[in-house]
C-alpha atoms as a PDB file:
ATOM      1  CA  MET A   1       0.350  78.389  76.806  1.00  0.00           C
ATOM      2  CA  VAL A   2       3.585  80.454  77.676  1.00  0.00           C
ATOM      3  CA  ILE A   3       6.026  81.041  75.043  1.00  0.00           C
ATOM      4  CA  LYS A   4       9.763  80.343  76.332  1.00  0.00           C
ATOM      5  CA  VAL A   5      12.811  82.240  74.950  1.00  0.00           C
ATOM      6  CA  TYR A   6      15.807  80.557  75.825  1.00  0.00           C
ATOM      7  CA  VAL A   7      18.862  83.202  76.072  1.00  0.00           C
ATOM      8  CA  ALA A   8      22.035  83.587  77.225  1.00  0.00           C
ATOM      9  CA  SER A   9      22.591  86.883  79.183  1.00  0.00           C
ATOM     10  CA  SER A  10      26.403  86.598  79.238  1.00  0.00           C
ATOM     11  CA  SER A  11      26.913  85.637  75.514  1.00  0.00           C
ATOM     12  CA  GLY A  12      30.076  87.473  73.782  1.00  0.00           C
ATOM     13  CA  SER A  13      28.534  87.429  70.403  1.00  0.00           C
ATOM     14  CA  ILE A  14      26.698  90.521  69.252  1.00  0.00           C
ATOM     15  CA  ALA A  15      24.827  88.538  66.800  1.00  0.00           C
ATOM     16  CA  VAL A  16      23.405  86.344  69.532  1.00  0.00           C
ATOM     17  CA  LYS A  17      22.601  89.411  71.518  1.00  0.00           C
ATOM     18  CA  LYS A  18      20.761  91.173  68.511  1.00  0.00           C
ATOM     19  CA  HIS A  19      18.958  88.037  67.673  1.00  0.00           C
ATOM     20  CA  GLN A  20      17.698  87.699  71.221  1.00  0.00           C
ATOM     21  CA  GLN A  21      16.492  91.111  71.353  1.00  0.00           C
ATOM     22  CA  ALA A  22      14.421  91.002  68.166  1.00  0.00           C
ATOM     23  CA  VAL A  23      12.660  87.970  69.350  1.00  0.00           C
ATOM     24  CA  VAL A  24      12.056  89.555  72.919  1.00  0.00           C
ATOM     25  CA  GLY A  25      11.080  92.933  71.364  1.00  0.00           C
ATOM     26  CA  PHE A  26       8.741  91.503  68.793  1.00  0.00           C
ATOM     27  CA  LEU A  27       7.036  89.399  71.808  1.00  0.00           C
ATOM     28  CA  GLU A  28       6.720  92.697  74.069  1.00  0.00           C
ATOM     29  CA  ALA A  29       5.494  94.741  71.143  1.00  0.00           C
ATOM     30  CA  ASN A  30       2.810  92.411  70.081  1.00  0.00           C
ATOM     31  CA  ARG A  31       1.875  91.671  73.947  1.00  0.00           C
ATOM     32  CA  ILE A  32       2.468  87.987  73.743  1.00  0.00           C
ATOM     33  CA  ASN A  33       2.856  86.387  77.295  1.00  0.00           C
ATOM     34  CA  PHE A  34       6.569  84.837  77.156  1.00  0.00           C
ATOM     35  CA  GLN A  35       9.157  83.814  79.709  1.00  0.00           C
ATOM     36  CA  GLU A  36      12.737  84.487  79.150  1.00  0.00           C
ATOM     37  CA  VAL A  37      14.961  81.650  80.398  1.00  0.00           C
ATOM     38  CA  ASP A  38      18.423  82.343  80.805  1.00  0.00           C
ATOM     39  CA  ILE A  39      20.616  79.310  80.173  1.00  0.00           C
ATOM     40  CA  THR A  40      23.832  80.806  81.779  1.00  0.00           C
ATOM     41  CA  MET A  41      22.202  80.973  85.009  1.00  0.00           C
ATOM     42  CA  LEU A  42      20.668  77.502  85.427  1.00  0.00           C
ATOM     43  CA  GLU A  43      22.376  74.320  84.117  1.00  0.00           C
ATOM     44  CA  GLU A  44      19.168  72.442  84.371  1.00  0.00           C
ATOM     45  CA  GLN A  45      17.462  74.877  81.840  1.00  0.00           C
ATOM     46  CA  ARG A  46      20.344  74.618  79.479  1.00  0.00           C
ATOM     47  CA  LEU A  47      20.405  71.002  79.553  1.00  0.00           C
ATOM     48  CA  TRP A  48      16.659  70.994  79.043  1.00  0.00           C
ATOM     49  CA  MET A  49      16.869  73.157  76.023  1.00  0.00           C
ATOM     50  CA  TYR A  50      19.627  71.105  74.356  1.00  0.00           C
ATOM     51  CA  ARG A  51      17.780  67.863  74.767  1.00  0.00           C
ATOM     52  CA  ASN A  52      14.392  69.076  73.312  1.00  0.00           C
ATOM     53  CA  ILE A  53      15.832  70.606  70.164  1.00  0.00           C
ATOM     54  CA  PRO A  54      15.432  68.390  67.326  1.00  0.00           C
ATOM     55  CA  LYS A  55      18.186  66.260  65.786  1.00  0.00           C
ATOM     56  CA  GLU A  56      17.568  68.074  62.519  1.00  0.00           C
ATOM     57  CA  LYS A  57      18.002  71.597  64.238  1.00  0.00           C
ATOM     58  CA  LYS A  58      21.335  70.625  66.172  1.00  0.00           C
ATOM     59  CA  PRO A  59      24.548  71.891  64.629  1.00  0.00           C
ATOM     60  CA  GLU A  60      27.121  69.338  63.520  1.00  0.00           C
ATOM     61  CA  LYS A  61      29.579  70.819  65.606  1.00  0.00           C
ATOM     62  CA  GLY A  62      28.819  72.516  69.025  1.00  0.00           C
ATOM     63  CA  ASN A  63      25.624  73.367  70.742  1.00  0.00           C
ATOM     64  CA  PRO A  64      22.544  75.015  69.218  1.00  0.00           C
ATOM     65  CA  LEU A  65      22.987  79.054  69.922  1.00  0.00           C
ATOM     66  CA  PRO A  66      20.173  80.982  71.734  1.00  0.00           C
ATOM     67  CA  PRO A  67      17.700  82.205  71.205  1.00  0.00           C
ATOM     68  CA  GLN A  68      15.818  78.888  70.877  1.00  0.00           C
ATOM     69  CA  ILE A  69      11.903  79.225  71.280  1.00  0.00           C
ATOM     70  CA  PHE A  70       9.322  76.738  72.673  1.00  0.00           C
ATOM     71  CA  ASN A  71       5.333  76.864  73.326  1.00  0.00           C
ATOM     72  CA  GLU A  72       5.741  75.309  76.600  1.00  0.00           C
ATOM     73  CA  ASP A  73       7.372  72.038  75.891  1.00  0.00           C
ATOM     74  CA  ARG A  74       6.947  72.145  72.153  1.00  0.00           C
ATOM     75  CA  TYR A  75       9.856  73.349  70.016  1.00  0.00           C
ATOM     76  CA  CYS A  76       8.848  76.205  67.598  1.00  0.00           C
ATOM     77  CA  GLY A  77      12.389  77.196  66.412  1.00  0.00           C
ATOM     78  CA  ASP A  78      15.649  79.022  66.674  1.00  0.00           C
ATOM     79  CA  TYR A  79      16.192  82.691  65.509  1.00  0.00           C
ATOM     80  CA  GLU A  80      16.175  81.624  61.635  1.00  0.00           C
ATOM     81  CA  ASP A  81      12.943  80.107  62.147  1.00  0.00           C
ATOM     82  CA  PHE A  82      11.377  83.299  63.669  1.00  0.00           C
ATOM     83  CA  PHE A  83      12.994  85.460  61.189  1.00  0.00           C
ATOM     84  CA  GLN A  84      11.534  83.572  58.241  1.00  0.00           C
ATOM     85  CA  SER A  85       8.099  83.455  59.953  1.00  0.00           C
ATOM     86  CA  LYS A  86       8.219  87.241  60.431  1.00  0.00           C
ATOM     87  CA  GLU A  87       9.258  87.559  56.682  1.00  0.00           C
ATOM     88  CA  ASN A  88       6.196  85.280  56.029  1.00  0.00           C
ATOM     89  CA  ASN A  89       3.646  86.933  58.479  1.00  0.00           C
ATOM     90  CA  THR A  90       3.246  83.789  59.840  1.00  0.00           C
ATOM     91  CA  VAL A  91       4.692  84.242  63.585  1.00  0.00           C
ATOM     92  CA  PHE A  92       1.672  83.552  65.443  1.00  0.00           C
ATOM     93  CA  ALA A  93       1.193  79.953  63.614  1.00  0.00           C
ATOM     94  CA  PHE A  94       5.156  79.572  64.214  1.00  0.00           C
ATOM     95  CA  LEU A  95       4.518  80.072  67.846  1.00  0.00           C
ATOM     96  CA  GLY A  96       1.434  77.929  67.885  1.00  0.00           C
ATOM     97  CA  LEU A  97      -0.586  80.996  68.829  1.00  0.00           C
ATOM     98  CA  SER A  98      -3.988  82.207  67.636  1.00  0.00           C
ATOM     99  CA  SER A  99      -3.868  85.219  65.101  1.00  0.00           C
ATOM    100  CA  PRO A 100      -4.431  88.530  66.884  1.00  0.00           C
ATOM    101  CA  LEU A 101      -6.811  89.228  64.132  1.00  0.00           C
ATOM    102  CA  LYS A 102      -9.314  86.937  65.748  1.00  0.00           C
ATOM    103  CA  PHE A 103      -9.262  88.837  68.742  1.00  0.00           C
ATOM    104  CA  ARG A 104      -9.631  92.209  66.868  1.00  0.00           C
ATOM    105  CA  VAL A 105     -12.742  90.929  65.489  1.00  0.00           C
ATOM    106  CA  LEU A 106     -13.933  89.576  68.625  1.00  0.00           C
ATOM    107  CA  ASP A 107     -13.338  92.860  70.153  1.00  0.00           C
ATOM    108  CA  GLN A 108     -15.092  94.876  67.579  1.00  0.00           C
ATOM    109  CA  ALA A 109     -18.031  92.476  67.806  1.00  0.00           C
ATOM    110  CA  HIS A 110     -18.313  93.232  71.259  1.00  0.00           C
ATOM    111  CA  LEU A 111     -17.834  97.016  70.576  1.00  0.00           C
ATOM    112  CA  TYR A 112     -20.650  97.150  68.368  1.00  0.00           C
ATOM    113  CA  THR A 113     -22.700  95.208  70.715  1.00  0.00           C
ATOM    114  CA  CYS A 114     -21.922  97.493  73.277  1.00  0.00           C
ATOM    115  CA  ILE A 115     -22.489 100.505  71.399  1.00  0.00           C
ATOM    116  CA  THR A 116     -26.038  99.075  70.092  1.00  0.00           C
ATOM    117  CA  SER A 117     -27.177  98.311  73.629  1.00  0.00           C
ATOM    118  CA  CYS A 118     -26.261 101.681  74.689  1.00  0.00           C
ATOM    119  CA  ILE A 119     -28.174 103.285  71.898  1.00  0.00           C
ATOM    120  CA  ALA A 120     -31.209 101.192  72.454  1.00  0.00           C
ATOM    121  CA  SER A 121     -31.227 102.012  76.303  1.00  0.00           C
ATOM    122  CA  PRO A 122     -28.879 104.798  77.243  1.00  0.00           C
ATOM    123  CA  PRO A 123     -27.124 104.285  80.649  1.00  0.00           C
ATOM    124  CA  PHE A 124     -27.827 107.957  81.446  1.00  0.00           C
ATOM    125  CA  SER A 125     -31.222 109.596  81.080  1.00  0.00           C
END
């Protein structure tokens, strides 16, 4: 599963730029695999994004503003939805991903197994 963040590289809006940076920065900091899709470069991508945003999330006038976030083809939400999930500490659920805590527990369990097996039979005698 790849998270897709639809952005506009040539946006004149400072707010849009900051929102895009916040989403991308969070994903990078948390090592979440994602793809940035620039809607100003490919008309097809922009139209696809517009078509796949649910009606209730579209503004009454104009087009939805980036960033818009998808997990593959499943719509996750816009910046406001992302921000709320961050405030509620539910970003991974918002993105449709497993919590990183599960991976940490597995890593710790694996580490414990490795340590105990090394103690039982040291690799260097």
